[in-house]
Amino acid sequence: MRRIAAIIGTAVLTFTAVQPTAFAGPVGTGWQEHTPAWNLQIQSRGEITSY
């Protein structure tokens, strides 16, 4: 029972620590979105992923 409580506690702390940074916006004012004119493609195991 202690092991399950420790796992649940760790999961809750991890979620609490990670979740606020996942939704954080830019710091300050005057920011503008930048859309570069290029596309990065990476091939891994025969599959191409575009970024």
C-alpha atoms as a PDB file:
ATOM      1  CA  MET A   1       0.000   0.000   0.000  1.00  0.00           C
ATOM      2  CA  ARG A   2       2.878   2.387   0.734  1.00  0.00           C
ATOM      3  CA  ARG A   3       4.343   1.774  -2.699  1.00  0.00           C
ATOM      4  CA  ILE A   4       1.089   2.716  -4.431  1.00  0.00           C
ATOM      5  CA  ALA A   5       0.830   5.872  -2.313  1.00  0.00           C
ATOM      6  CA  ALA A   6       4.423   6.784  -3.211  1.00  0.00           C
ATOM      7  CA  ILE A   7       3.761   6.269  -6.932  1.00  0.00           C
ATOM      8  CA  ILE A   8       0.591   8.367  -6.818  1.00  0.00           C
ATOM      9  CA  GLY A   9       2.375  11.080  -4.835  1.00  0.00           C
ATOM     10  CA  THR A  10       5.218  11.178  -7.346  1.00  0.00           C
ATOM     11  CA  ALA A  11       2.773  11.368 -10.258  1.00  0.00           C
ATOM     12  CA  VAL A  12       0.878  14.262  -8.646  1.00  0.00           C
ATOM     13  CA  LEU A  13       4.089  16.178  -7.910  1.00  0.00           C
ATOM     14  CA  THR A  14       5.375  15.612 -11.439  1.00  0.00           C
ATOM     15  CA  PHE A  15       2.116  16.806 -12.992  1.00  0.00           C
ATOM     16  CA  THR A  16       2.049  19.853 -10.711  1.00  0.00           C
ATOM     17  CA  ALA A  17       5.647  20.773 -11.544  1.00  0.00           C
ATOM     18  CA  VAL A  18       5.329  20.298 -15.329  1.00  0.00           C
ATOM     19  CA  GLN A  19       1.818  21.559 -16.025  1.00  0.00           C
ATOM     20  CA  PRO A  20       2.306  25.309 -15.351  1.00  0.00           C
ATOM     21  CA  THR A  21       5.293  25.549 -17.706  1.00  0.00           C
ATOM     22  CA  ALA A  22       3.438  23.769 -20.499  1.00  0.00           C
ATOM     23  CA  PHE A  23       0.884  26.596 -20.757  1.00  0.00           C
ATOM     24  CA  ALA A  24       3.143  29.558 -20.024  1.00  0.00           C
ATOM     25  CA  GLY A  25       2.974  32.459 -22.452  1.00  0.00           C
ATOM     26  CA  PRO A  26       5.719  34.881 -23.465  1.00  0.00           C
ATOM     27  CA  VAL A  27       7.267  37.041 -20.778  1.00  0.00           C
ATOM     28  CA  GLY A  28       6.859  40.766 -21.283  1.00  0.00           C
ATOM     29  CA  THR A  29       5.176  42.738 -24.045  1.00  0.00           C
ATOM     30  CA  GLY A  30       5.883  43.526 -27.682  1.00  0.00           C
ATOM     31  CA  TRP A  31       6.275  39.924 -28.834  1.00  0.00           C
ATOM     32  CA  GLN A  32       5.390  39.045 -32.424  1.00  0.00           C
ATOM     33  CA  GLU A  33       4.943  35.634 -34.011  1.00  0.00           C
ATOM     34  CA  HIS A  34       7.710  34.720 -36.429  1.00  0.00           C
ATOM     35  CA  THR A  35       7.054  32.359 -39.319  1.00  0.00           C
ATOM     36  CA  PRO A  36      10.331  31.447 -41.027  1.00  0.00           C
ATOM     37  CA  ALA A  37      10.455  30.995 -44.784  1.00  0.00           C
ATOM     38  CA  TRP A  38      12.097  27.568 -44.439  1.00  0.00           C
ATOM     39  CA  ASN A  39      11.054  24.124 -43.263  1.00  0.00           C
ATOM     40  CA  LEU A  40      13.211  21.661 -41.308  1.00  0.00           C
ATOM     41  CA  GLN A  41      12.787  18.016 -42.282  1.00  0.00           C
ATOM     42  CA  ILE A  42      14.338  15.107 -40.403  1.00  0.00           C
ATOM     43  CA  GLN A  43      14.390  11.560 -41.709  1.00  0.00           C
ATOM     44  CA  SER A  44      14.496   8.757 -39.163  1.00  0.00           C
ATOM     45  CA  ARG A  45      13.879   5.078 -39.895  1.00  0.00           C
ATOM     46  CA  GLY A  46      12.615   5.915 -43.382  1.00  0.00           C
ATOM     47  CA  GLU A  47      10.010   8.392 -42.112  1.00  0.00           C
ATOM     48  CA  ILE A  48      10.271  12.135 -42.840  1.00  0.00           C
ATOM     49  CA  THR A  49       9.059  14.582 -40.182  1.00  0.00           C
ATOM     50  CA  SER A  50       8.617  18.295 -40.997  1.00  0.00           C
ATOM     51  CA  TYR A  51       9.076  21.056 -38.422  1.00  0.00           C
END
